[in-house]
Amino acid sequence: MASPPSLRRRLIVLPLMFFITLLPHAQSNLSPDYYNKTCPQFTEIAQRIIVDKQLSTPTTAAGLLRVFFHDCMVGGCDASLLISSNSFNTAERDSDLNRALPGDAFDVVVRLKTALELECPNTVSCSDILAVAARDLITMVGGPYYDVRFGRKDSLVSRASDVKGHIATPNMTVDEIVSTFASKGLDLRDLVTLSGAHTIGFAHCSEFANRIYNFSETAPVDPTLHPTYAEALQKLCANYTIEQGMSAFNDVMTPGKFDNMYYKNLKNGMGLLASDQALVSDPRTKPYVDLYAENQTAFFDAFARVIEKVSVYGVKTEKDGEVRKRCDAFNSLQGDNGEKETHQSF
């Protein structure tokens, strides 16, 4: 016999309520409708500015995604990476691991914040701006759409000294990268999936030069690199020590499109960074590389899931943060002991 409608509703609601109680308190305060009343034009303004910026500067999507990930991995998704250093503090942005982050990504955030402050002052946080910009830019260059919940507050602290150990570097071993990701609650599949973000963007020659010049006493070039690809990289980066801005696309085949070509490249010895190429050599990660190389839908589904998971990592809500008036400065400077000082940050 069919269950009465009221009973069916209770059977649906109870598991949902149980799921909600399992969410960390900060995450449970987030909602896709957070700005519906306080800033109803938020989504429209964001989309307009994001589209304009990406069309004028096609590297914006990759740069913003990198900034978003670097921000979330250090203390959570709280826009701490956007803070500029001053005479009182060296901020995350000026740590060795973040100095090469592209200016285009910071520029689009400034444009978004300026427009939103004019429309609805003191309302939309910089951390929410980063989250929606990452989603919209990924989608704009062909990647998957995923839901973004809002209500994040911006951090009250940003220190360069907090960055080390939280972000994977190009020459880390797979074991080291696995450990770094595991500390954020991300597993092996998450690691391989998020690495797929390298389907767009570029890396400076200095980040992979050791693979193409004097690799070892017995091999001048990393033998895991395709010979023709390695030769092309050598020519491209020939003057990299003088022209330090020299760089190469992470995905040489479809550099501006978010697709699964990154994984196909790995299988053909065309992973630009050592940490990328290692994913196809390690038996723990290779099955996921193989899966995503063959099935773009599987990659997109997994990427949407994990980037949504990352986007709520360590978020601040309510009194744990603030809504900055400018994304590059605290509303008031924070002392080393966490107490507010009277100095204004500019």
C-alpha atoms as a PDB file:
ATOM      1  CA  MET A   1       0.000   0.000   0.000  1.00  0.00           C
ATOM      2  CA  ALA A   2       1.329   3.469  -0.872  1.00  0.00           C
ATOM      3  CA  SER A   3       2.509   5.656   1.985  1.00  0.00           C
ATOM      4  CA  PRO A   4       0.318   8.686   2.810  1.00  0.00           C
ATOM      5  CA  PRO A   5       1.710  11.966   1.345  1.00  0.00           C
ATOM      6  CA  SER A   6       2.450  13.352   4.822  1.00  0.00           C
ATOM      7  CA  LEU A   7       4.491  10.269   5.722  1.00  0.00           C
ATOM      8  CA  ARG A   8       6.411  10.419   2.435  1.00  0.00           C
ATOM      9  CA  ARG A   9       7.256  14.071   3.146  1.00  0.00           C
ATOM     10  CA  ARG A  10       8.555  13.138   6.602  1.00  0.00           C
ATOM     11  CA  LEU A  11      10.666  10.321   5.147  1.00  0.00           C
ATOM     12  CA  ILE A  12      12.266  12.810   2.758  1.00  0.00           C
ATOM     13  CA  VAL A  13      12.724  15.610   5.287  1.00  0.00           C
ATOM     14  CA  LEU A  14      14.256  13.510   8.059  1.00  0.00           C
ATOM     15  CA  PRO A  15      17.362  12.377   6.086  1.00  0.00           C
ATOM     16  CA  LEU A  16      17.799  15.934   4.842  1.00  0.00           C
ATOM     17  CA  MET A  17      17.662  17.297   8.386  1.00  0.00           C
ATOM     18  CA  PHE A  18      20.165  14.639   9.472  1.00  0.00           C
ATOM     19  CA  PHE A  19      22.504  15.657   6.613  1.00  0.00           C
ATOM     20  CA  ILE A  20      22.265  19.324   7.567  1.00  0.00           C
ATOM     21  CA  THR A  21      23.220  18.554  11.174  1.00  0.00           C
ATOM     22  CA  LEU A  22      26.405  16.915   9.891  1.00  0.00           C
ATOM     23  CA  LEU A  23      27.560  20.071   8.088  1.00  0.00           C
ATOM     24  CA  PRO A  24      30.099  22.282   9.870  1.00  0.00           C
ATOM     25  CA  HIS A  25      28.261  25.268  11.351  1.00  0.00           C
ATOM     26  CA  ALA A  26      29.919  27.797   9.034  1.00  0.00           C
ATOM     27  CA  GLN A  27      28.993  25.814   5.906  1.00  0.00           C
ATOM     28  CA  SER A  28      25.388  25.423   7.019  1.00  0.00           C
ATOM     29  CA  ASN A  29      25.089  29.237   7.053  1.00  0.00           C
ATOM     30  CA  LEU A  30      25.844  29.450   3.332  1.00  0.00           C
ATOM     31  CA  SER A  31      23.053  29.661   0.775  1.00  0.00           C
ATOM     32  CA  PRO A  32      22.720  30.181  -3.001  1.00  0.00           C
ATOM     33  CA  ASP A  33      20.025  32.779  -2.159  1.00  0.00           C
ATOM     34  CA  TYR A  34      22.127  34.717   0.362  1.00  0.00           C
ATOM     35  CA  TYR A  35      22.115  37.981  -1.635  1.00  0.00           C
ATOM     36  CA  ASN A  36      18.628  37.752  -3.124  1.00  0.00           C
ATOM     37  CA  LYS A  37      17.305  40.554  -0.926  1.00  0.00           C
ATOM     38  CA  THR A  38      20.430  42.496   0.016  1.00  0.00           C
ATOM     39  CA  CYS A  39      22.029  42.603  -3.455  1.00  0.00           C
ATOM     40  CA  PRO A  40      19.641  41.164  -6.072  1.00  0.00           C
ATOM     41  CA  GLN A  41      21.837  42.355  -8.969  1.00  0.00           C
ATOM     42  CA  PHE A  42      24.877  40.449  -7.661  1.00  0.00           C
ATOM     43  CA  THR A  43      24.812  37.617 -10.198  1.00  0.00           C
ATOM     44  CA  GLU A  44      24.026  39.860 -13.153  1.00  0.00           C
ATOM     45  CA  ILE A  45      26.812  42.328 -12.307  1.00  0.00           C
ATOM     46  CA  ALA A  46      29.302  39.520 -11.749  1.00  0.00           C
ATOM     47  CA  GLN A  47      28.527  37.826 -15.053  1.00  0.00           C
ATOM     48  CA  ARG A  48      28.792  41.051 -17.049  1.00  0.00           C
ATOM     49  CA  ILE A  49      32.179  42.024 -15.648  1.00  0.00           C
ATOM     50  CA  ILE A  50      33.562  38.487 -15.802  1.00  0.00           C
ATOM     51  CA  VAL A  51      32.592  38.054 -19.453  1.00  0.00           C
ATOM     52  CA  ASP A  52      34.097  41.429 -20.401  1.00  0.00           C
ATOM     53  CA  LYS A  53      37.362  40.669 -18.615  1.00  0.00           C
ATOM     54  CA  GLN A  54      37.765  37.150 -20.024  1.00  0.00           C
ATOM     55  CA  LEU A  55      37.071  38.322 -23.569  1.00  0.00           C
ATOM     56  CA  SER A  56      39.639  41.111 -23.302  1.00  0.00           C
ATOM     57  CA  THR A  57      42.207  39.013 -21.391  1.00  0.00           C
ATOM     58  CA  PRO A  58      41.833  35.273 -22.137  1.00  0.00           C
ATOM     59  CA  THR A  59      44.300  34.255 -19.402  1.00  0.00           C
ATOM     60  CA  THR A  60      41.949  35.543 -16.698  1.00  0.00           C
ATOM     61  CA  ALA A  61      40.112  32.241 -16.168  1.00  0.00           C
ATOM     62  CA  ALA A  62      43.243  30.227 -15.431  1.00  0.00           C
ATOM     63  CA  GLY A  63      44.713  32.948 -13.244  1.00  0.00           C
ATOM     64  CA  LEU A  64      41.589  33.441 -11.166  1.00  0.00           C
ATOM     65  CA  LEU A  65      41.138  29.701 -10.657  1.00  0.00           C
ATOM     66  CA  ARG A  66      44.716  29.484  -9.389  1.00  0.00           C
ATOM     67  CA  VAL A  67      44.216  32.436  -7.030  1.00  0.00           C
ATOM     68  CA  PHE A  68      40.989  30.901  -5.726  1.00  0.00           C
ATOM     69  CA  PHE A  69      42.645  27.551  -5.018  1.00  0.00           C
ATOM     70  CA  HIS A  70      45.702  29.109  -3.370  1.00  0.00           C
ATOM     71  CA  ASP A  71      43.416  31.207  -1.186  1.00  0.00           C
ATOM     72  CA  CYS A  72      41.267  28.286  -0.065  1.00  0.00           C
ATOM     73  CA  MET A  73      44.202  26.019   0.754  1.00  0.00           C
ATOM     74  CA  VAL A  74      45.642  28.472   3.298  1.00  0.00           C
ATOM     75  CA  GLY A  75      43.213  28.959   6.149  1.00  0.00           C
ATOM     76  CA  GLY A  76      40.100  28.431   4.036  1.00  0.00           C
ATOM     77  CA  CYS A  77      38.201  30.334   1.345  1.00  0.00           C
ATOM     78  CA  ASP A  78      38.332  33.731   3.008  1.00  0.00           C
ATOM     79  CA  ALA A  79      40.064  36.084   0.525  1.00  0.00           C
ATOM     80  CA  SER A  80      43.159  36.283   2.730  1.00  0.00           C
ATOM     81  CA  LEU A  81      45.257  36.017  -0.436  1.00  0.00           C
ATOM     82  CA  LEU A  82      43.867  39.306  -1.765  1.00  0.00           C
ATOM     83  CA  ILE A  83      45.338  41.399   1.048  1.00  0.00           C
ATOM     84  CA  SER A  84      48.282  43.613   0.112  1.00  0.00           C
ATOM     85  CA  SER A  85      51.350  43.802   2.333  1.00  0.00           C
ATOM     86  CA  ASN A  86      52.185  46.996   4.192  1.00  0.00           C
ATOM     87  CA  SER A  87      54.726  48.257   6.696  1.00  0.00           C
ATOM     88  CA  PHE A  88      53.011  46.317   9.481  1.00  0.00           C
ATOM     89  CA  ASN A  89      52.621  42.938   7.790  1.00  0.00           C
ATOM     90  CA  THR A  90      53.855  40.772   4.915  1.00  0.00           C
ATOM     91  CA  ALA A  91      50.679  39.199   3.543  1.00  0.00           C
ATOM     92  CA  GLU A  92      50.052  35.824   1.856  1.00  0.00           C
ATOM     93  CA  ARG A  93      50.153  37.457  -1.558  1.00  0.00           C
ATOM     94  CA  ASP A  94      53.876  38.165  -1.127  1.00  0.00           C
ATOM     95  CA  SER A  95      54.934  34.689  -0.061  1.00  0.00           C
ATOM     96  CA  ASP A  96      57.371  32.970  -2.433  1.00  0.00           C
ATOM     97  CA  LEU A  97      54.639  30.572  -3.601  1.00  0.00           C
ATOM     98  CA  ASN A  98      52.237  33.373  -4.540  1.00  0.00           C
ATOM     99  CA  ARG A  99      54.409  36.059  -6.076  1.00  0.00           C
ATOM    100  CA  ALA A 100      53.972  34.656  -9.589  1.00  0.00           C
ATOM    101  CA  LEU A 101      50.164  34.734  -9.429  1.00  0.00           C
ATOM    102  CA  PRO A 102      48.896  36.741 -12.436  1.00  0.00           C
ATOM    103  CA  GLY A 103      47.729  40.306 -12.023  1.00  0.00           C
ATOM    104  CA  ASP A 104      44.744  39.734 -14.317  1.00  0.00           C
ATOM    105  CA  ALA A 105      43.094  37.616 -11.648  1.00  0.00           C
ATOM    106  CA  PHE A 106      43.414  40.330  -9.020  1.00  0.00           C
ATOM    107  CA  ASP A 107      42.196  42.933 -11.517  1.00  0.00           C
ATOM    108  CA  VAL A 108      38.898  41.177 -12.184  1.00  0.00           C
ATOM    109  CA  VAL A 109      38.262  40.994  -8.429  1.00  0.00           C
ATOM    110  CA  VAL A 110      38.888  44.736  -8.104  1.00  0.00           C
ATOM    111  CA  ARG A 111      36.455  45.422 -10.946  1.00  0.00           C
ATOM    112  CA  LEU A 112      33.807  43.217  -9.386  1.00  0.00           C
ATOM    113  CA  LYS A 113      34.193  44.706  -5.930  1.00  0.00           C
ATOM    114  CA  THR A 114      34.063  48.270  -7.241  1.00  0.00           C
ATOM    115  CA  ALA A 115      30.852  47.648  -9.174  1.00  0.00           C
ATOM    116  CA  LEU A 116      29.204  45.794  -6.297  1.00  0.00           C
ATOM    117  CA  GLU A 117      30.113  48.488  -3.775  1.00  0.00           C
ATOM    118  CA  LEU A 118      28.351  51.025  -5.984  1.00  0.00           C
ATOM    119  CA  GLU A 119      25.254  48.815  -6.279  1.00  0.00           C
ATOM    120  CA  CYS A 120      25.045  47.478  -2.712  1.00  0.00           C
ATOM    121  CA  PRO A 121      27.716  48.928  -0.350  1.00  0.00           C
ATOM    122  CA  ASN A 122      29.219  46.843   2.445  1.00  0.00           C
ATOM    123  CA  THR A 123      27.272  43.750   1.404  1.00  0.00           C
ATOM    124  CA  VAL A 124      29.148  41.303  -0.857  1.00  0.00           C
ATOM    125  CA  SER A 125      32.321  39.782   0.563  1.00  0.00           C
ATOM    126  CA  CYS A 126      35.521  39.434  -1.421  1.00  0.00           C
ATOM    127  CA  SER A 127      35.557  35.712  -0.667  1.00  0.00           C
ATOM    128  CA  ASP A 128      32.137  35.306  -2.274  1.00  0.00           C
ATOM    129  CA  ILE A 129      33.367  37.328  -5.250  1.00  0.00           C
ATOM    130  CA  LEU A 130      36.275  34.897  -5.671  1.00  0.00           C
ATOM    131  CA  ALA A 131      33.938  31.905  -5.441  1.00  0.00           C
ATOM    132  CA  VAL A 132      31.462  33.116  -8.068  1.00  0.00           C
ATOM    133  CA  ALA A 133      34.216  34.381 -10.383  1.00  0.00           C
ATOM    134  CA  ALA A 134      35.942  30.979 -10.324  1.00  0.00           C
ATOM    135  CA  ARG A 135      32.681  29.182 -11.193  1.00  0.00           C
ATOM    136  CA  ASP A 136      31.654  31.583 -13.952  1.00  0.00           C
ATOM    137  CA  LEU A 137      35.087  31.669 -15.568  1.00  0.00           C
ATOM    138  CA  ILE A 138      35.410  27.873 -15.545  1.00  0.00           C
ATOM    139  CA  THR A 139      32.030  27.646 -17.245  1.00  0.00           C
ATOM    140  CA  MET A 140      32.861  30.387 -19.732  1.00  0.00           C
ATOM    141  CA  VAL A 141      35.895  28.492 -21.074  1.00  0.00           C
ATOM    142  CA  GLY A 142      33.976  25.251 -21.492  1.00  0.00           C
ATOM    143  CA  GLY A 143      34.114  23.680 -18.052  1.00  0.00           C
ATOM    144  CA  PRO A 144      31.274  22.310 -15.908  1.00  0.00           C
ATOM    145  CA  TYR A 145      28.711  24.438 -14.099  1.00  0.00           C
ATOM    146  CA  TYR A 146      28.276  23.870 -10.381  1.00  0.00           C
ATOM    147  CA  ASP A 147      26.297  25.512  -7.604  1.00  0.00           C
ATOM    148  CA  VAL A 148      27.920  28.143  -5.405  1.00  0.00           C
ATOM    149  CA  ARG A 149      26.616  28.939  -1.940  1.00  0.00           C
ATOM    150  CA  PHE A 150      27.203  32.410  -0.514  1.00  0.00           C
ATOM    151  CA  GLY A 151      27.583  34.072   2.863  1.00  0.00           C
ATOM    152  CA  ARG A 152      31.354  33.815   3.364  1.00  0.00           C
ATOM    153  CA  LYS A 153      33.050  36.535   5.367  1.00  0.00           C
ATOM    154  CA  ASP A 154      36.525  37.867   4.619  1.00  0.00           C
ATOM    155  CA  SER A 155      39.490  36.961   6.798  1.00  0.00           C
ATOM    156  CA  LEU A 156      40.900  39.189   9.507  1.00  0.00           C
ATOM    157  CA  VAL A 157      44.436  37.813   9.081  1.00  0.00           C
ATOM    158  CA  SER A 158      46.823  37.322   6.147  1.00  0.00           C
ATOM    159  CA  ARG A 159      50.435  36.334   6.766  1.00  0.00           C
ATOM    160  CA  ALA A 160      53.020  35.118   4.263  1.00  0.00           C
ATOM    161  CA  SER A 161      54.462  32.845   6.934  1.00  0.00           C
ATOM    162  CA  ASP A 162      51.226  30.805   6.951  1.00  0.00           C
ATOM    163  CA  VAL A 163      51.520  29.691   3.314  1.00  0.00           C
ATOM    164  CA  LYS A 164      54.363  27.161   3.315  1.00  0.00           C
ATOM    165  CA  GLY A 165      53.251  23.551   3.591  1.00  0.00           C
ATOM    166  CA  HIS A 166      49.706  24.181   2.413  1.00  0.00           C
ATOM    167  CA  ILE A 167      50.217  24.459  -1.353  1.00  0.00           C
ATOM    168  CA  ALA A 168      51.684  21.765  -3.592  1.00  0.00           C
ATOM    169  CA  THR A 169      54.728  22.773  -5.641  1.00  0.00           C
ATOM    170  CA  PRO A 170      55.773  21.544  -9.133  1.00  0.00           C
ATOM    171  CA  ASN A 171      58.653  19.390  -7.937  1.00  0.00           C
ATOM    172  CA  MET A 172      56.921  17.641  -5.042  1.00  0.00           C
ATOM    173  CA  THR A 173      56.675  13.854  -5.090  1.00  0.00           C
ATOM    174  CA  VAL A 174      53.246  12.272  -5.352  1.00  0.00           C
ATOM    175  CA  ASP A 175      53.536  11.211  -1.707  1.00  0.00           C
ATOM    176  CA  GLU A 176      54.138  14.818  -0.658  1.00  0.00           C
ATOM    177  CA  ILE A 177      51.223  16.093  -2.730  1.00  0.00           C
ATOM    178  CA  VAL A 178      48.933  13.361  -1.386  1.00  0.00           C
ATOM    179  CA  SER A 179      49.849  14.396   2.153  1.00  0.00           C
ATOM    180  CA  THR A 180      49.225  18.075   1.412  1.00  0.00           C
ATOM    181  CA  PHE A 181      45.802  17.374  -0.069  1.00  0.00           C
ATOM    182  CA  ALA A 182      44.869  14.906   2.674  1.00  0.00           C
ATOM    183  CA  SER A 183      45.417  17.629   5.276  1.00  0.00           C
ATOM    184  CA  LYS A 184      42.508  19.480   3.602  1.00  0.00           C
ATOM    185  CA  GLY A 185      40.236  16.448   3.527  1.00  0.00           C
ATOM    186  CA  LEU A 186      40.955  15.723  -0.144  1.00  0.00           C
ATOM    187  CA  ASP A 187      41.656  12.180  -1.312  1.00  0.00           C
ATOM    188  CA  LEU A 188      43.584  10.673  -4.239  1.00  0.00           C
ATOM    189  CA  ARG A 189      40.750  11.095  -6.702  1.00  0.00           C
ATOM    190  CA  ASP A 190      40.264  14.701  -5.604  1.00  0.00           C
ATOM    191  CA  LEU A 191      43.978  15.325  -6.178  1.00  0.00           C
ATOM    192  CA  VAL A 192      43.910  13.989  -9.743  1.00  0.00           C
ATOM    193  CA  THR A 193      40.641  15.773 -10.477  1.00  0.00           C
ATOM    194  CA  LEU A 194      41.822  19.170  -9.247  1.00  0.00           C
ATOM    195  CA  SER A 195      45.080  18.751 -11.164  1.00  0.00           C
ATOM    196  CA  GLY A 196      42.880  18.818 -14.256  1.00  0.00           C
ATOM    197  CA  ALA A 197      42.593  22.576 -13.764  1.00  0.00           C
ATOM    198  CA  HIS A 198      45.943  22.629 -15.590  1.00  0.00           C
ATOM    199  CA  THR A 199      43.967  22.083 -18.762  1.00  0.00           C
ATOM    200  CA  ILE A 200      44.046  25.900 -18.911  1.00  0.00           C
ATOM    201  CA  GLY A 201      46.781  28.361 -17.957  1.00  0.00           C
ATOM    202  CA  PHE A 202      50.537  28.357 -18.131  1.00  0.00           C
ATOM    203  CA  ALA A 203      53.678  27.857 -16.066  1.00  0.00           C
ATOM    204  CA  HIS A 204      56.898  29.863 -16.074  1.00  0.00           C
ATOM    205  CA  CYS A 205      59.951  28.156 -17.562  1.00  0.00           C
ATOM    206  CA  SER A 206      61.676  28.268 -14.182  1.00  0.00           C
ATOM    207  CA  GLU A 207      59.052  25.846 -12.844  1.00  0.00           C
ATOM    208  CA  PHE A 208      60.037  23.045 -15.231  1.00  0.00           C
ATOM    209  CA  ALA A 209      63.529  24.024 -16.466  1.00  0.00           C
ATOM    210  CA  ASN A 210      65.128  21.222 -14.449  1.00  0.00           C
ATOM    211  CA  ARG A 211      63.252  18.728 -16.649  1.00  0.00           C
ATOM    212  CA  ILE A 212      64.615  20.028 -19.961  1.00  0.00           C
ATOM    213  CA  TYR A 213      68.134  21.200 -19.075  1.00  0.00           C
ATOM    214  CA  ASN A 214      70.750  19.004 -17.338  1.00  0.00           C
ATOM    215  CA  PHE A 215      68.147  16.713 -15.834  1.00  0.00           C
ATOM    216  CA  SER A 216      70.734  14.198 -14.547  1.00  0.00           C
ATOM    217  CA  GLU A 217      74.234  12.912 -15.156  1.00  0.00           C
ATOM    218  CA  THR A 218      72.893  10.241 -17.484  1.00  0.00           C
ATOM    219  CA  ALA A 219      69.945  12.061 -19.083  1.00  0.00           C
ATOM    220  CA  PRO A 220      70.026  15.720 -20.170  1.00  0.00           C
ATOM    221  CA  VAL A 221      66.219  15.678 -20.435  1.00  0.00           C
ATOM    222  CA  ASP A 222      63.621  14.032 -18.210  1.00  0.00           C
ATOM    223  CA  PRO A 223      62.979  10.701 -19.988  1.00  0.00           C
ATOM    224  CA  THR A 224      59.273  10.839 -19.123  1.00  0.00           C
ATOM    225  CA  LEU A 225      58.899  13.804 -21.505  1.00  0.00           C
ATOM    226  CA  HIS A 226      58.021  13.174 -25.152  1.00  0.00           C
ATOM    227  CA  PRO A 227      61.272  13.979 -27.067  1.00  0.00           C
ATOM    228  CA  THR A 228      59.647  16.340 -29.574  1.00  0.00           C
ATOM    229  CA  TYR A 229      57.780  18.143 -26.804  1.00  0.00           C
ATOM    230  CA  ALA A 230      60.975  18.467 -24.752  1.00  0.00           C
ATOM    231  CA  GLU A 231      62.823  19.906 -27.739  1.00  0.00           C
ATOM    232  CA  ALA A 232      60.107  22.491 -28.298  1.00  0.00           C
ATOM    233  CA  LEU A 233      60.240  23.503 -24.635  1.00  0.00           C
ATOM    234  CA  GLN A 234      64.020  23.874 -24.793  1.00  0.00           C
ATOM    235  CA  LYS A 235      63.697  26.293 -27.707  1.00  0.00           C
ATOM    236  CA  LEU A 236      60.898  28.223 -26.040  1.00  0.00           C
ATOM    237  CA  CYS A 237      62.731  28.620 -22.728  1.00  0.00           C
ATOM    238  CA  ALA A 238      66.244  29.145 -24.090  1.00  0.00           C
ATOM    239  CA  ASN A 239      66.557  32.616 -22.497  1.00  0.00           C
ATOM    240  CA  TYR A 240      64.409  32.035 -19.430  1.00  0.00           C
ATOM    241  CA  THR A 241      67.128  33.084 -16.965  1.00  0.00           C
ATOM    242  CA  ILE A 242      67.232  36.498 -18.629  1.00  0.00           C
ATOM    243  CA  GLU A 243      63.572  36.810 -19.638  1.00  0.00           C
ATOM    244  CA  GLN A 244      62.046  35.538 -16.414  1.00  0.00           C
ATOM    245  CA  GLY A 245      58.503  35.945 -17.676  1.00  0.00           C
ATOM    246  CA  MET A 246      58.967  33.217 -20.300  1.00  0.00           C
ATOM    247  CA  SER A 247      56.269  30.580 -19.935  1.00  0.00           C
ATOM    248  CA  ALA A 248      54.528  27.653 -21.638  1.00  0.00           C
ATOM    249  CA  PHE A 249      50.918  26.527 -21.740  1.00  0.00           C
ATOM    250  CA  ASN A 250      50.079  23.716 -19.335  1.00  0.00           C
ATOM    251  CA  ASP A 251      48.082  22.101 -22.126  1.00  0.00           C
ATOM    252  CA  VAL A 252      49.842  22.649 -25.443  1.00  0.00           C
ATOM    253  CA  MET A 253      46.974  21.160 -27.472  1.00  0.00           C
ATOM    254  CA  THR A 254      43.906  23.153 -26.301  1.00  0.00           C
ATOM    255  CA  PRO A 255      45.368  25.778 -23.947  1.00  0.00           C
ATOM    256  CA  GLY A 256      42.306  28.013 -23.732  1.00  0.00           C
ATOM    257  CA  LYS A 257      39.655  25.337 -23.380  1.00  0.00           C
ATOM    258  CA  PHE A 258      38.610  23.563 -20.196  1.00  0.00           C
ATOM    259  CA  ASP A 259      38.489  19.925 -21.335  1.00  0.00           C
ATOM    260  CA  ASN A 260      40.119  16.558 -20.638  1.00  0.00           C
ATOM    261  CA  MET A 261      43.076  17.084 -22.986  1.00  0.00           C
ATOM    262  CA  TYR A 262      45.359  17.555 -19.958  1.00  0.00           C
ATOM    263  CA  TYR A 263      44.956  13.858 -19.101  1.00  0.00           C
ATOM    264  CA  LYS A 264      45.489  12.748 -22.700  1.00  0.00           C
ATOM    265  CA  ASN A 265      48.689  14.797 -22.738  1.00  0.00           C
ATOM    266  CA  LEU A 266      49.935  13.056 -19.594  1.00  0.00           C
ATOM    267  CA  LYS A 267      49.551   9.669 -21.261  1.00  0.00           C
ATOM    268  CA  ASN A 268      51.591  10.951 -24.213  1.00  0.00           C
ATOM    269  CA  GLY A 269      54.468  12.318 -22.130  1.00  0.00           C
ATOM    270  CA  MET A 270      53.340  15.930 -22.463  1.00  0.00           C
ATOM    271  CA  GLY A 271      52.747  16.867 -18.849  1.00  0.00           C
ATOM    272  CA  LEU A 272      54.488  20.201 -18.379  1.00  0.00           C
ATOM    273  CA  LEU A 273      55.248  20.025 -14.668  1.00  0.00           C
ATOM    274  CA  ALA A 274      56.964  17.096 -12.973  1.00  0.00           C
ATOM    275  CA  SER A 275      54.099  16.871 -10.484  1.00  0.00           C
ATOM    276  CA  ASP A 276      51.659  16.524 -13.388  1.00  0.00           C
ATOM    277  CA  GLN A 277      53.577  13.823 -15.248  1.00  0.00           C
ATOM    278  CA  ALA A 278      54.040  11.871 -12.023  1.00  0.00           C
ATOM    279  CA  LEU A 279      50.286  11.274 -11.853  1.00  0.00           C
ATOM    280  CA  VAL A 280      50.425   8.878 -14.790  1.00  0.00           C
ATOM    281  CA  SER A 281      53.449   7.030 -13.391  1.00  0.00           C
ATOM    282  CA  ASP A 282      52.099   6.381  -9.910  1.00  0.00           C
ATOM    283  CA  PRO A 283      49.854   3.283  -9.730  1.00  0.00           C
ATOM    284  CA  ARG A 284      47.581   4.986  -7.194  1.00  0.00           C
ATOM    285  CA  THR A 285      46.725   7.940  -9.427  1.00  0.00           C
ATOM    286  CA  LYS A 286      47.091   6.441 -12.917  1.00  0.00           C
ATOM    287  CA  PRO A 287      43.609   4.808 -12.961  1.00  0.00           C
ATOM    288  CA  TYR A 288      41.990   8.215 -12.550  1.00  0.00           C
ATOM    289  CA  VAL A 289      44.198   9.711 -15.268  1.00  0.00           C
ATOM    290  CA  ASP A 290      43.146   6.873 -17.577  1.00  0.00           C
ATOM    291  CA  LEU A 291      39.469   7.335 -16.721  1.00  0.00           C
ATOM    292  CA  TYR A 292      39.457  11.081 -17.334  1.00  0.00           C
ATOM    293  CA  ALA A 293      41.495  10.776 -20.525  1.00  0.00           C
ATOM    294  CA  GLU A 294      38.838   8.477 -21.941  1.00  0.00           C
ATOM    295  CA  ASN A 295      35.744  10.067 -20.429  1.00  0.00           C
ATOM    296  CA  GLN A 296      35.416  13.866 -20.269  1.00  0.00           C
ATOM    297  CA  THR A 297      31.986  13.609 -18.666  1.00  0.00           C
ATOM    298  CA  ALA A 298      33.459  11.654 -15.768  1.00  0.00           C
ATOM    299  CA  PHE A 299      36.105  14.360 -15.338  1.00  0.00           C
ATOM    300  CA  PHE A 300      33.564  17.186 -15.467  1.00  0.00           C
ATOM    301  CA  ASP A 301      31.249  15.485 -12.978  1.00  0.00           C
ATOM    302  CA  ALA A 302      34.118  14.840 -10.570  1.00  0.00           C
ATOM    303  CA  PHE A 303      35.563  18.342 -11.003  1.00  0.00           C
ATOM    304  CA  ALA A 304      32.224  20.015 -10.293  1.00  0.00           C
ATOM    305  CA  ARG A 305      31.879  17.946  -7.134  1.00  0.00           C
ATOM    306  CA  VAL A 306      35.359  18.578  -5.766  1.00  0.00           C
ATOM    307  CA  ILE A 307      35.621  22.284  -6.629  1.00  0.00           C
ATOM    308  CA  GLU A 308      32.286  22.822  -4.879  1.00  0.00           C
ATOM    309  CA  LYS A 309      33.764  20.956  -1.918  1.00  0.00           C
ATOM    310  CA  VAL A 310      36.887  23.129  -1.984  1.00  0.00           C
ATOM    311  CA  SER A 311      34.818  26.317  -2.228  1.00  0.00           C
ATOM    312  CA  VAL A 312      33.400  25.834   1.272  1.00  0.00           C
ATOM    313  CA  TYR A 313      36.635  24.733   2.932  1.00  0.00           C
ATOM    314  CA  GLY A 314      37.364  26.683   6.110  1.00  0.00           C
ATOM    315  CA  VAL A 315      34.873  29.448   5.354  1.00  0.00           C
ATOM    316  CA  LYS A 316      34.294  32.225   7.863  1.00  0.00           C
ATOM    317  CA  THR A 317      30.767  33.350   8.666  1.00  0.00           C
ATOM    318  CA  GLU A 318      29.058  35.747  11.050  1.00  0.00           C
ATOM    319  CA  LYS A 319      31.539  37.290  13.522  1.00  0.00           C
ATOM    320  CA  ASP A 320      34.510  35.201  12.359  1.00  0.00           C
ATOM    321  CA  GLY A 321      35.230  37.670   9.565  1.00  0.00           C
ATOM    322  CA  GLU A 322      34.122  40.871   7.901  1.00  0.00           C
ATOM    323  CA  VAL A 323      32.878  42.239   4.586  1.00  0.00           C
ATOM    324  CA  ARG A 324      35.796  44.302   3.338  1.00  0.00           C
ATOM    325  CA  LYS A 325      35.258  47.656   1.713  1.00  0.00           C
ATOM    326  CA  ARG A 326      38.309  46.940  -0.434  1.00  0.00           C
ATOM    327  CA  CYS A 327      39.499  43.459  -1.212  1.00  0.00           C
ATOM    328  CA  ASP A 328      43.189  44.313  -0.792  1.00  0.00           C
ATOM    329  CA  ALA A 329      42.872  45.793   2.716  1.00  0.00           C
ATOM    330  CA  PHE A 330      41.294  44.935   6.035  1.00  0.00           C
ATOM    331  CA  ASN A 331      38.658  47.352   7.235  1.00  0.00           C
ATOM    332  CA  SER A 332      41.095  47.984  10.049  1.00  0.00           C
ATOM    333  CA  LEU A 333      44.576  46.540  10.460  1.00  0.00           C
ATOM    334  CA  GLN A 334      45.027  43.446  12.613  1.00  0.00           C
ATOM    335  CA  GLY A 335      47.834  43.244  15.122  1.00  0.00           C
ATOM    336  CA  ASP A 336      49.927  40.093  15.415  1.00  0.00           C
ATOM    337  CA  ASN A 337      47.885  39.136  18.469  1.00  0.00           C
ATOM    338  CA  GLY A 338      44.670  39.276  16.444  1.00  0.00           C
ATOM    339  CA  GLU A 339      43.349  42.421  18.087  1.00  0.00           C
ATOM    340  CA  LYS A 340      42.319  45.384  15.970  1.00  0.00           C
ATOM    341  CA  GLU A 341      44.604  48.365  15.892  1.00  0.00           C
ATOM    342  CA  THR A 342      43.755  51.923  14.969  1.00  0.00           C
ATOM    343  CA  HIS A 343      45.860  52.065  11.787  1.00  0.00           C
ATOM    344  CA  GLN A 344      43.862  52.296   8.574  1.00  0.00           C
ATOM    345  CA  SER A 345      45.071  50.081   5.711  1.00  0.00           C
ATOM    346  CA  PHE A 346      45.321  51.564   2.233  1.00  0.00           C
END
